[in-house]
N, C-alpha and C. Protein backbone atom coordinates (compact mmCIF):
# COMPACT_ATOMS: atom_id res chain seq x y z
N UNK A 1 -16.62 -8.90 -0.87
CA UNK A 1 -15.44 -8.60 -1.63
C UNK A 1 -15.87 -7.83 -2.88
N UNK A 2 -15.27 -6.70 -3.12
CA UNK A 2 -15.62 -5.87 -4.27
C UNK A 2 -15.02 -6.45 -5.54
N UNK A 3 -13.76 -6.79 -5.47
CA UNK A 3 -13.06 -7.39 -6.62
C UNK A 3 -12.68 -8.81 -6.24
N UNK A 4 -12.71 -9.67 -7.19
CA UNK A 4 -12.42 -11.08 -6.93
C UNK A 4 -10.91 -11.34 -7.08
N UNK A 5 -10.12 -10.71 -6.21
CA UNK A 5 -8.67 -10.92 -6.20
C UNK A 5 -8.23 -11.16 -4.76
N UNK A 6 -7.28 -12.06 -4.58
CA UNK A 6 -6.77 -12.33 -3.24
C UNK A 6 -5.41 -13.00 -3.35
N UNK A 7 -4.72 -13.01 -2.22
CA UNK A 7 -3.42 -13.67 -2.13
C UNK A 7 -3.22 -14.13 -0.70
N UNK A 8 -2.52 -15.23 -0.55
CA UNK A 8 -2.24 -15.73 0.79
C UNK A 8 -0.90 -15.22 1.31
N UNK A 9 -0.18 -14.46 0.48
CA UNK A 9 1.14 -13.94 0.89
C UNK A 9 1.16 -12.42 0.78
N UNK A 10 1.94 -11.81 1.67
CA UNK A 10 2.08 -10.36 1.62
C UNK A 10 2.67 -9.90 0.29
N UNK A 11 3.65 -10.63 -0.21
CA UNK A 11 4.27 -10.26 -1.48
C UNK A 11 3.26 -10.35 -2.62
N UNK A 12 2.34 -11.28 -2.52
CA UNK A 12 1.28 -11.41 -3.52
C UNK A 12 0.32 -10.23 -3.48
N UNK A 13 0.03 -9.75 -2.28
CA UNK A 13 -0.84 -8.58 -2.13
C UNK A 13 -0.18 -7.37 -2.79
N UNK A 14 1.12 -7.23 -2.58
CA UNK A 14 1.84 -6.10 -3.20
C UNK A 14 1.76 -6.21 -4.72
N UNK A 15 1.99 -7.39 -5.26
CA UNK A 15 1.93 -7.58 -6.71
C UNK A 15 0.53 -7.28 -7.25
N UNK A 16 -0.48 -7.78 -6.58
CA UNK A 16 -1.86 -7.55 -7.02
C UNK A 16 -2.24 -6.07 -6.92
N UNK A 17 -1.79 -5.42 -5.88
CA UNK A 17 -2.05 -3.99 -5.70
C UNK A 17 -1.47 -3.21 -6.88
N UNK A 18 -0.21 -3.51 -7.21
CA UNK A 18 0.42 -2.83 -8.34
C UNK A 18 -0.26 -3.17 -9.67
N UNK A 19 -0.59 -4.42 -9.86
CA UNK A 19 -1.19 -4.86 -11.11
C UNK A 19 -2.59 -4.28 -11.33
N UNK A 20 -3.42 -4.32 -10.30
CA UNK A 20 -4.83 -3.96 -10.45
C UNK A 20 -5.13 -2.49 -10.16
N UNK A 21 -4.30 -1.84 -9.39
CA UNK A 21 -4.62 -0.47 -8.98
C UNK A 21 -3.62 0.57 -9.47
N UNK A 22 -2.33 0.28 -9.35
CA UNK A 22 -1.33 1.27 -9.76
C UNK A 22 -1.21 1.30 -11.28
N UNK A 23 -0.98 0.16 -11.89
CA UNK A 23 -0.80 0.11 -13.34
C UNK A 23 -2.03 0.57 -14.10
N UNK A 24 -3.19 0.41 -13.52
CA UNK A 24 -4.44 0.84 -14.17
C UNK A 24 -4.78 2.30 -13.88
N UNK A 25 -3.96 2.98 -13.10
CA UNK A 25 -4.17 4.40 -12.82
C UNK A 25 -5.24 4.68 -11.79
N UNK A 26 -5.70 3.67 -11.08
CA UNK A 26 -6.71 3.87 -10.05
C UNK A 26 -6.09 4.51 -8.82
N UNK A 27 -4.86 4.12 -8.54
CA UNK A 27 -4.09 4.67 -7.42
C UNK A 27 -2.86 5.37 -8.02
N UNK A 28 -2.51 6.50 -7.47
CA UNK A 28 -1.36 7.25 -7.94
C UNK A 28 -0.08 6.42 -7.86
N UNK A 29 0.79 6.63 -8.82
CA UNK A 29 2.07 5.92 -8.86
C UNK A 29 2.86 6.14 -7.57
N UNK A 30 2.79 7.35 -7.02
CA UNK A 30 3.51 7.65 -5.78
C UNK A 30 3.04 6.74 -4.64
N UNK A 31 1.76 6.43 -4.62
CA UNK A 31 1.22 5.54 -3.59
C UNK A 31 1.77 4.13 -3.77
N UNK A 32 1.87 3.68 -5.00
CA UNK A 32 2.43 2.37 -5.26
C UNK A 32 3.89 2.28 -4.85
N UNK A 33 4.64 3.34 -5.14
CA UNK A 33 6.06 3.37 -4.75
C UNK A 33 6.19 3.38 -3.24
N UNK A 34 5.34 4.16 -2.57
CA UNK A 34 5.40 4.21 -1.11
C UNK A 34 5.06 2.86 -0.50
N UNK A 35 4.03 2.21 -1.03
CA UNK A 35 3.63 0.90 -0.53
C UNK A 35 4.79 -0.10 -0.66
N UNK A 36 5.47 -0.08 -1.80
CA UNK A 36 6.61 -0.98 -2.00
C UNK A 36 7.75 -0.65 -1.04
N UNK A 37 8.01 0.64 -0.86
CA UNK A 37 9.08 1.06 0.05
C UNK A 37 8.79 0.61 1.48
N UNK A 38 7.60 0.88 1.94
CA UNK A 38 7.25 0.56 3.32
C UNK A 38 7.14 -0.96 3.51
N UNK A 39 6.72 -1.66 2.47
CA UNK A 39 6.69 -3.13 2.50
C UNK A 39 8.10 -3.67 2.72
N UNK A 40 9.06 -3.14 1.97
CA UNK A 40 10.46 -3.59 2.11
C UNK A 40 10.99 -3.32 3.51
N UNK A 41 10.66 -2.15 4.06
CA UNK A 41 11.12 -1.84 5.42
C UNK A 41 10.45 -2.74 6.45
N UNK A 42 9.19 -3.06 6.22
CA UNK A 42 8.50 -3.99 7.11
C UNK A 42 9.18 -5.36 7.09
N UNK A 43 9.55 -5.83 5.91
CA UNK A 43 10.26 -7.10 5.78
C UNK A 43 11.58 -7.06 6.55
N UNK A 44 12.33 -5.98 6.39
CA UNK A 44 13.61 -5.85 7.09
C UNK A 44 13.39 -5.85 8.59
N UNK A 45 12.41 -5.09 9.04
CA UNK A 45 12.12 -5.01 10.47
C UNK A 45 11.71 -6.34 11.07
N UNK A 46 11.00 -7.14 10.30
CA UNK A 46 10.52 -8.43 10.80
C UNK A 46 11.57 -9.54 10.71
N UNK A 47 12.39 -9.50 9.68
CA UNK A 47 13.22 -10.67 9.40
C UNK A 47 14.74 -10.47 9.48
N UNK A 48 15.20 -9.24 9.57
CA UNK A 48 16.64 -9.00 9.68
C UNK A 48 16.98 -8.66 11.13
N UNK A 49 18.22 -8.92 11.48
CA UNK A 49 18.68 -8.64 12.84
C UNK A 49 19.17 -7.20 12.97
N UNK A 50 18.90 -6.61 14.12
CA UNK A 50 19.46 -5.32 14.52
C UNK A 50 19.15 -4.20 13.54
N UNK A 51 17.92 -4.10 13.12
CA UNK A 51 17.50 -3.03 12.23
C UNK A 51 17.08 -1.83 13.07
N UNK A 52 17.61 -0.68 12.72
CA UNK A 52 17.26 0.56 13.40
C UNK A 52 16.74 1.53 12.35
N UNK A 53 15.58 2.09 12.61
CA UNK A 53 15.01 3.08 11.71
C UNK A 53 15.20 4.46 12.33
N UNK A 54 15.69 5.39 11.55
CA UNK A 54 15.93 6.75 12.03
C UNK A 54 14.61 7.47 12.29
N UNK A 55 14.57 8.21 13.36
CA UNK A 55 13.35 8.91 13.75
C UNK A 55 12.85 9.85 12.65
N UNK A 56 13.77 10.54 11.98
CA UNK A 56 13.38 11.46 10.92
C UNK A 56 12.69 10.72 9.77
N UNK A 57 13.21 9.54 9.43
CA UNK A 57 12.60 8.75 8.37
C UNK A 57 11.22 8.26 8.78
N UNK A 58 11.10 7.81 10.01
CA UNK A 58 9.82 7.30 10.49
C UNK A 58 8.77 8.41 10.46
N UNK A 59 9.15 9.61 10.87
CA UNK A 59 8.23 10.74 10.82
C UNK A 59 7.76 11.05 9.41
N UNK A 60 8.69 10.99 8.47
CA UNK A 60 8.36 11.21 7.06
C UNK A 60 7.42 10.11 6.55
N UNK A 61 7.71 8.87 6.91
CA UNK A 61 6.86 7.74 6.49
C UNK A 61 5.46 7.88 7.06
N UNK A 62 5.37 8.36 8.29
CA UNK A 62 4.05 8.53 8.91
C UNK A 62 3.20 9.52 8.12
N UNK A 63 3.80 10.63 7.71
CA UNK A 63 3.06 11.61 6.90
C UNK A 63 2.64 11.02 5.56
N UNK A 64 3.54 10.28 4.93
CA UNK A 64 3.20 9.64 3.66
C UNK A 64 2.14 8.56 3.86
N UNK A 65 2.18 7.88 5.00
CA UNK A 65 1.17 6.85 5.29
C UNK A 65 -0.21 7.48 5.42
N UNK A 66 -0.28 8.65 6.00
CA UNK A 66 -1.57 9.34 6.10
C UNK A 66 -2.11 9.67 4.72
N UNK A 67 -1.25 10.14 3.81
CA UNK A 67 -1.66 10.42 2.44
C UNK A 67 -2.09 9.13 1.73
N UNK A 68 -1.35 8.06 1.96
CA UNK A 68 -1.66 6.76 1.36
C UNK A 68 -3.04 6.29 1.81
N UNK A 69 -3.31 6.38 3.10
CA UNK A 69 -4.60 5.95 3.64
C UNK A 69 -5.73 6.78 3.04
N UNK A 70 -5.53 8.08 2.92
CA UNK A 70 -6.56 8.95 2.32
C UNK A 70 -6.84 8.54 0.88
N UNK A 71 -5.78 8.24 0.13
CA UNK A 71 -5.94 7.82 -1.26
C UNK A 71 -6.71 6.50 -1.34
N UNK A 72 -6.37 5.55 -0.49
CA UNK A 72 -7.03 4.25 -0.50
C UNK A 72 -8.50 4.39 -0.08
N UNK A 73 -8.78 5.25 0.88
CA UNK A 73 -10.16 5.48 1.28
C UNK A 73 -11.00 6.00 0.11
N UNK A 74 -10.42 6.89 -0.69
CA UNK A 74 -11.12 7.41 -1.88
C UNK A 74 -11.40 6.28 -2.87
N UNK A 75 -10.42 5.44 -3.08
CA UNK A 75 -10.58 4.32 -4.01
C UNK A 75 -11.69 3.39 -3.54
N UNK A 76 -11.69 3.08 -2.26
CA UNK A 76 -12.72 2.19 -1.71
C UNK A 76 -14.10 2.79 -1.90
N UNK A 77 -14.25 4.07 -1.59
CA UNK A 77 -15.55 4.74 -1.75
C UNK A 77 -16.00 4.69 -3.21
N UNK A 78 -15.07 4.97 -4.13
CA UNK A 78 -15.42 4.92 -5.56
C UNK A 78 -15.80 3.51 -5.98
N UNK A 79 -15.07 2.53 -5.51
CA UNK A 79 -15.38 1.14 -5.85
C UNK A 79 -16.77 0.76 -5.33
N UNK A 80 -17.10 1.17 -4.12
CA UNK A 80 -18.40 0.87 -3.56
C UNK A 80 -19.52 1.54 -4.34
N UNK A 81 -19.31 2.78 -4.72
CA UNK A 81 -20.30 3.51 -5.50
C UNK A 81 -20.50 2.84 -6.85
N UNK A 82 -19.41 2.48 -7.50
CA UNK A 82 -19.48 1.89 -8.84
C UNK A 82 -20.12 0.50 -8.84
N UNK A 83 -20.06 -0.19 -7.71
CA UNK A 83 -20.68 -1.52 -7.65
C UNK A 83 -22.05 -1.50 -6.98
N UNK A 84 -22.48 -0.30 -6.56
CA UNK A 84 -23.80 -0.17 -5.94
C UNK A 84 -23.89 -0.72 -4.55
N UNK A 85 -22.77 -0.82 -3.87
CA UNK A 85 -22.77 -1.36 -2.49
C UNK A 85 -22.82 -0.26 -1.47
């Protein structure tokens, strides 16, 4: 573990992500907003009845997810370099 932070709940992970990475400027604000947006849609998809996601929206989310993953990969590499791992 690079940083000594963890949560047993998905909502806790979102809070910690925003607190430790977005608010500190390690991850772009847009990535934090996207993570929150997609988290909310995941919650709806898992826990609400009869949720339908429009194909156009899903395609847009997929492109943003690719950008999000690239950003997180950069952060991980930087964290590893900074800790000598």
